[in-house]
Amino acid sequence: MSNDESIEGLQRAVEGLHNCKAKYKDKTHVIETFEGSLVWDRDAYRFNVKDLPTAKLAYVWSSPIKGSTKRKFYAVLQVDPVKSAQDAVRASIAKDYGG
């Protein structure tokens, strides 16, 4: 985990992106393949969230931005159809690639 992807940094990301309070819960490892190719092999961090009517949990991570020293933060709420960290990663990949 880089300094930018600290628990505190991830917490700020979920709180800022979803206007809620978040508390670190744990992390889970996700491996995702597409058409036989590995597209994801990393940890997703789970945060309990408060003040949201539709979600109690968020899956959070960051990725480096190509050509930059900055990172893009992802915070996917656990709302249908997202029921797991793997679902959150899949939804994020689909959104990033127009799926």
C-alpha atoms as a PDB file:
ATOM      1  CA  MET A   1       0.000   0.000   0.000  1.00  0.00           C
ATOM      2  CA  SER A   2       1.421   3.356  -0.993  1.00  0.00           C
ATOM      3  CA  ASN A   3       1.198   6.430   1.214  1.00  0.00           C
ATOM      4  CA  ASP A   4      -1.608   7.783  -0.985  1.00  0.00           C
ATOM      5  CA  GLU A   5      -3.515   4.550  -0.506  1.00  0.00           C
ATOM      6  CA  SER A   6      -3.365   4.682   3.286  1.00  0.00           C
ATOM      7  CA  ILE A   7      -6.420   3.735   5.302  1.00  0.00           C
ATOM      8  CA  GLU A   8      -6.878   7.440   6.069  1.00  0.00           C
ATOM      9  CA  GLY A   9      -6.618   8.366   2.389  1.00  0.00           C
ATOM     10  CA  LEU A  10      -9.131   5.709   1.413  1.00  0.00           C
ATOM     11  CA  GLN A  11     -11.461   6.850   4.201  1.00  0.00           C
ATOM     12  CA  ARG A  12     -11.293  10.448   2.958  1.00  0.00           C
ATOM     13  CA  ALA A  13     -12.050   9.208  -0.562  1.00  0.00           C
ATOM     14  CA  VAL A  14     -15.216   7.328   0.384  1.00  0.00           C
ATOM     15  CA  GLU A  15     -16.394  10.153   2.635  1.00  0.00           C
ATOM     16  CA  GLY A  16     -15.770  12.739  -0.078  1.00  0.00           C
ATOM     17  CA  LEU A  17     -17.227  10.743  -2.953  1.00  0.00           C
ATOM     18  CA  HIS A  18     -20.377   9.686  -1.113  1.00  0.00           C
ATOM     19  CA  ASN A  19     -20.870  12.467   1.464  1.00  0.00           C
ATOM     20  CA  CYS A  20     -20.967  10.072   4.411  1.00  0.00           C
ATOM     21  CA  LYS A  21     -18.953   8.940   7.405  1.00  0.00           C
ATOM     22  CA  ALA A  22     -16.782   5.860   6.939  1.00  0.00           C
ATOM     23  CA  LYS A  23     -14.882   3.551   9.253  1.00  0.00           C
ATOM     24  CA  TYR A  24     -12.348   0.959   8.126  1.00  0.00           C
ATOM     25  CA  LYS A  25     -13.581  -2.608   8.520  1.00  0.00           C
ATOM     26  CA  ASP A  26     -11.115  -4.894   6.743  1.00  0.00           C
ATOM     27  CA  LYS A  27      -9.631  -5.760   3.382  1.00  0.00           C
ATOM     28  CA  THR A  28     -10.254  -8.582   0.986  1.00  0.00           C
ATOM     29  CA  HIS A  29      -8.225  -9.837  -1.947  1.00  0.00           C
ATOM     30  CA  VAL A  30      -9.917  -9.909  -5.340  1.00  0.00           C
ATOM     31  CA  ILE A  31      -8.750 -11.711  -8.455  1.00  0.00           C
ATOM     32  CA  GLU A  32     -10.672 -10.971 -11.629  1.00  0.00           C
ATOM     33  CA  THR A  33     -10.146 -12.320 -15.119  1.00  0.00           C
ATOM     34  CA  PHE A  34     -11.768 -11.422 -18.416  1.00  0.00           C
ATOM     35  CA  GLU A  35     -11.682 -13.756 -21.393  1.00  0.00           C
ATOM     36  CA  GLY A  36      -8.884 -15.723 -19.760  1.00  0.00           C
ATOM     37  CA  SER A  37      -6.667 -12.710 -18.991  1.00  0.00           C
ATOM     38  CA  LEU A  38      -5.925 -11.447 -15.501  1.00  0.00           C
ATOM     39  CA  VAL A  39      -7.312  -7.907 -15.147  1.00  0.00           C
ATOM     40  CA  TRP A  40      -7.231  -7.474 -11.364  1.00  0.00           C
ATOM     41  CA  ASP A  41      -5.182  -9.042  -8.556  1.00  0.00           C
ATOM     42  CA  ARG A  42      -5.270  -6.624  -5.625  1.00  0.00           C
ATOM     43  CA  ASP A  43      -6.895  -5.806  -2.336  1.00  0.00           C
ATOM     44  CA  ALA A  44     -10.164  -3.944  -1.941  1.00  0.00           C
ATOM     45  CA  TYR A  45     -10.734  -2.243   1.402  1.00  0.00           C
ATOM     46  CA  ARG A  46     -14.103  -2.460   3.107  1.00  0.00           C
ATOM     47  CA  PHE A  47     -15.480   0.473   5.049  1.00  0.00           C
ATOM     48  CA  ASN A  48     -18.653   0.645   7.089  1.00  0.00           C
ATOM     49  CA  VAL A  49     -20.561   3.754   6.032  1.00  0.00           C
ATOM     50  CA  LYS A  50     -23.062   5.872   7.957  1.00  0.00           C
ATOM     51  CA  ASP A  51     -25.585   8.496   6.935  1.00  0.00           C
ATOM     52  CA  LEU A  52     -26.554   6.767   3.691  1.00  0.00           C
ATOM     53  CA  PRO A  53     -30.088   5.405   3.298  1.00  0.00           C
ATOM     54  CA  THR A  54     -29.141   2.732   0.748  1.00  0.00           C
ATOM     55  CA  ALA A  55     -25.760   1.348   1.845  1.00  0.00           C
ATOM     56  CA  LYS A  56     -23.933   0.235   4.969  1.00  0.00           C
ATOM     57  CA  LEU A  57     -20.691  -0.856   3.279  1.00  0.00           C
ATOM     58  CA  ALA A  58     -18.319   0.531   0.654  1.00  0.00           C
ATOM     59  CA  TYR A  59     -15.476  -1.128  -1.251  1.00  0.00           C
ATOM     60  CA  VAL A  60     -12.574   1.258  -1.761  1.00  0.00           C
ATOM     61  CA  TRP A  61      -9.223   1.257  -3.559  1.00  0.00           C
ATOM     62  CA  SER A  62      -7.037   3.485  -5.684  1.00  0.00           C
ATOM     63  CA  SER A  63      -5.047   3.030  -8.864  1.00  0.00           C
ATOM     64  CA  PRO A  64      -2.201   5.049 -10.342  1.00  0.00           C
ATOM     65  CA  ILE A  65      -3.131   7.464 -13.107  1.00  0.00           C
ATOM     66  CA  LYS A  66      -1.060   6.700 -16.187  1.00  0.00           C
ATOM     67  CA  GLY A  67       1.494   9.426 -16.855  1.00  0.00           C
ATOM     68  CA  SER A  68       0.961  11.029 -13.449  1.00  0.00           C
ATOM     69  CA  THR A  69       2.093  10.681  -9.859  1.00  0.00           C
ATOM     70  CA  LYS A  70      -1.545  10.974  -8.739  1.00  0.00           C
ATOM     71  CA  ARG A  71      -4.021   8.196  -8.019  1.00  0.00           C
ATOM     72  CA  LYS A  72      -7.660   7.677  -8.961  1.00  0.00           C
ATOM     73  CA  PHE A  73      -9.844   6.650  -6.031  1.00  0.00           C
ATOM     74  CA  TYR A  74     -12.762   4.271  -6.331  1.00  0.00           C
ATOM     75  CA  ALA A  75     -15.467   3.888  -3.694  1.00  0.00           C
ATOM     76  CA  VAL A  76     -18.249   1.524  -4.728  1.00  0.00           C
ATOM     77  CA  LEU A  77     -21.237   1.197  -2.413  1.00  0.00           C
ATOM     78  CA  GLN A  78     -22.729  -2.174  -1.604  1.00  0.00           C
ATOM     79  CA  VAL A  79     -26.112  -1.682  -3.264  1.00  0.00           C
ATOM     80  CA  ASP A  80     -27.756  -3.984  -5.798  1.00  0.00           C
ATOM     81  CA  PRO A  81     -26.286  -5.433  -7.923  1.00  0.00           C
ATOM     82  CA  VAL A  82     -23.031  -5.003  -5.935  1.00  0.00           C
ATOM     83  CA  LYS A  83     -23.007  -7.596  -3.151  1.00  0.00           C
ATOM     84  CA  SER A  84     -19.270  -8.313  -2.787  1.00  0.00           C
ATOM     85  CA  ALA A  85     -15.831  -6.840  -3.373  1.00  0.00           C
ATOM     86  CA  GLN A  86     -15.608  -8.820  -6.613  1.00  0.00           C
ATOM     87  CA  ASP A  87     -18.911  -7.291  -7.785  1.00  0.00           C
ATOM     88  CA  ALA A  88     -17.544  -3.825  -6.946  1.00  0.00           C
ATOM     89  CA  VAL A  89     -14.390  -4.429  -8.976  1.00  0.00           C
ATOM     90  CA  ARG A  90     -16.406  -5.776 -11.919  1.00  0.00           C
ATOM     91  CA  ALA A  91     -18.743  -2.757 -11.830  1.00  0.00           C
ATOM     92  CA  SER A  92     -15.786  -0.390 -11.749  1.00  0.00           C
ATOM     93  CA  ILE A  93     -14.021  -2.112 -14.645  1.00  0.00           C
ATOM     94  CA  ALA A  94     -17.229  -2.075 -16.686  1.00  0.00           C
ATOM     95  CA  LYS A  95     -17.739   1.632 -15.981  1.00  0.00           C
ATOM     96  CA  ASP A  96     -14.125   2.511 -16.851  1.00  0.00           C
ATOM     97  CA  TYR A  97     -14.317   0.623 -20.127  1.00  0.00           C
ATOM     98  CA  GLY A  98     -17.825   1.612 -21.153  1.00  0.00           C
ATOM     99  CA  GLY A  99     -19.376  -1.780 -20.469  1.00  0.00           C
END
